Amino acid sequence: MAEGEERIELKFRIFDGTDIAHSTYALSTAVATLKQRLVAEWPQDKSVLPKSVSDIKLIHAGKVLENSKTLAESRLYFGDLPGGVITMHVVVQPPVAKKKTDKSKEEPKKNPCSCTIL
């Protein structure tokens, strides 16, 4: 980190309203680096625990931040609040495993309706 680099104060709010990892961060910090810190500092007494960085989504001003971008690229400025603390919301959402189905093994759908002509 370069000396004199601009820094921003952030805190991260999890699902139950608890704030974690409150600190100042360089604007050159990558979103993925923030997520790594959150996984490492996650309170172990919570009912929802992220297992990896991919389980976490950071939300600021209604926008989900991308892992590949830095804080500066994510435009984290909030109006005219110089020196204010920015709160980001943290959502834990494990990736959903996609099920592969083999269509040749599927049974044909049975029609529960039957008609009788008299």
Protein backbone atom coordinates (compact mmCIF):
# COMPACT_ATOMS: atom_id res chain seq x y z
CA MET A 1 0.00 0.00 0.00
CA ALA A 2 1.42 3.37 -0.99
CA GLU A 3 2.01 5.92 1.73
CA GLY A 4 -0.56 8.71 1.70
CA GLU A 5 -3.09 6.57 -0.17
CA GLU A 6 -6.68 7.59 0.42
CA ARG A 7 -8.52 5.42 2.92
CA ILE A 8 -12.15 4.88 3.72
CA GLU A 9 -13.80 3.72 6.95
CA LEU A 10 -16.07 0.71 6.53
CA LYS A 11 -18.12 -1.58 8.72
CA PHE A 12 -20.01 -4.66 7.63
CA ARG A 13 -23.49 -5.51 8.93
CA ILE A 14 -24.56 -9.14 8.97
CA PHE A 15 -28.08 -10.61 8.96
CA ASP A 16 -28.81 -10.08 12.68
CA GLY A 17 -27.62 -6.46 12.79
CA THR A 18 -24.16 -7.21 14.20
CA ASP A 19 -21.33 -5.10 12.77
CA ILE A 20 -17.98 -6.80 12.07
CA ALA A 21 -14.55 -5.89 10.64
CA HIS A 22 -14.94 -2.16 11.39
CA SER A 23 -11.72 -0.55 10.16
CA THR A 24 -10.24 1.81 7.60
CA TYR A 25 -9.34 0.34 4.23
CA ALA A 26 -7.29 1.63 1.30
CA LEU A 27 -9.33 2.42 -1.80
CA SER A 28 -7.05 0.04 -3.70
CA THR A 29 -8.31 -2.92 -1.61
CA ALA A 30 -10.07 -5.56 -3.71
CA VAL A 31 -13.59 -6.66 -2.80
CA ALA A 32 -12.35 -10.29 -2.73
CA THR A 33 -9.79 -9.29 -0.05
CA LEU A 34 -12.57 -7.79 2.07
CA LYS A 35 -14.56 -11.00 1.76
CA GLN A 36 -11.54 -13.06 2.88
CA ARG A 37 -11.25 -10.90 5.99
CA LEU A 38 -14.96 -11.28 6.71
CA VAL A 39 -14.77 -15.07 6.49
CA ALA A 40 -11.77 -15.05 8.86
CA GLU A 41 -13.44 -12.69 11.38
CA TRP A 42 -16.98 -14.11 11.19
CA PRO A 43 -18.44 -14.62 14.70
CA GLN A 44 -18.53 -18.37 15.35
CA ASP A 45 -21.61 -18.16 17.60
CA LYS A 46 -23.91 -17.23 14.69
CA SER A 47 -26.39 -19.66 13.17
CA VAL A 48 -25.29 -18.83 9.61
CA LEU A 49 -21.58 -19.27 8.82
CA PRO A 50 -19.95 -18.68 5.43
CA LYS A 51 -17.64 -21.52 4.38
CA SER A 52 -15.79 -19.59 1.69
CA VAL A 53 -15.53 -16.21 -0.03
CA SER A 54 -17.98 -17.35 -2.70
CA ASP A 55 -20.69 -17.70 -0.02
CA ILE A 56 -20.63 -13.94 0.72
CA LYS A 57 -22.18 -11.06 -1.17
CA LEU A 58 -21.34 -7.46 -0.22
CA ILE A 59 -24.07 -4.90 -0.87
CA HIS A 60 -23.57 -1.14 -0.88
CA ALA A 61 -26.26 1.33 -1.92
CA GLY A 62 -28.36 -1.50 -3.37
CA LYS A 63 -25.54 -2.78 -5.56
CA VAL A 64 -23.75 -6.14 -5.20
CA LEU A 65 -20.00 -5.52 -5.35
CA GLU A 66 -17.87 -7.58 -7.74
CA ASN A 67 -14.86 -9.56 -6.44
CA SER A 68 -12.57 -8.37 -9.22
CA LYS A 69 -13.07 -4.65 -8.49
CA THR A 70 -11.37 -2.43 -5.92
CA LEU A 71 -13.18 -0.15 -3.50
CA ALA A 72 -12.32 2.85 -5.69
CA GLU A 73 -13.77 1.13 -8.78
CA SER A 74 -16.92 0.27 -6.79
CA ARG A 75 -17.50 4.01 -6.12
CA LEU A 76 -18.13 3.87 -2.40
CA TYR A 77 -18.54 7.58 -1.87
CA PHE A 78 -21.67 8.59 -0.08
CA GLY A 79 -22.75 12.11 -0.90
CA ASP A 80 -21.23 14.79 1.29
CA LEU A 81 -20.20 12.65 4.27
CA PRO A 82 -16.44 13.20 4.33
CA GLY A 83 -14.88 11.06 7.00
CA GLY A 84 -18.13 9.22 7.66
CA VAL A 85 -18.39 5.47 8.16
CA ILE A 86 -19.87 3.49 5.28
CA THR A 87 -21.94 0.46 6.22
CA MET A 88 -22.05 -2.48 3.81
CA HIS A 89 -24.52 -5.28 4.16
CA VAL A 90 -23.24 -8.84 4.08
CA VAL A 91 -25.43 -11.63 2.74
CA VAL A 92 -24.45 -15.26 3.16
CA GLN A 93 -25.74 -17.30 0.26
CA PRO A 94 -24.02 -20.62 -0.45
CA PRO A 95 -23.84 -21.39 -4.16
CA VAL A 96 -26.56 -23.76 -5.32
CA ALA A 97 -25.31 -26.98 -6.87
CA LYS A 98 -26.89 -27.62 -10.24
CA LYS A 99 -28.45 -31.02 -10.61
CA LYS A 100 -27.66 -32.90 -13.78
CA THR A 101 -30.50 -35.00 -15.08
CA ASP A 102 -30.20 -37.71 -17.65
CA LYS A 103 -33.23 -37.31 -19.86
CA SER A 104 -32.91 -40.81 -21.27
CA LYS A 105 -33.48 -42.30 -17.81
CA GLU A 106 -36.48 -40.16 -16.97
CA GLU A 107 -39.80 -41.94 -16.95
CA PRO A 108 -42.41 -40.54 -19.29
CA LYS A 109 -45.01 -38.45 -17.51
CA LYS A 110 -48.19 -40.34 -16.85
CA ASN A 111 -51.39 -38.57 -17.63
CA PRO A 112 -53.60 -38.74 -14.54
CA CYS A 113 -56.63 -37.82 -16.61
CA SER A 114 -58.51 -40.52 -18.46
CA CYS A 115 -61.44 -40.15 -20.81
CA THR A 116 -64.06 -42.72 -21.60
CA ILE A 117 -66.30 -42.45 -24.64
CA LEU A 118 -69.62 -44.29 -24.34
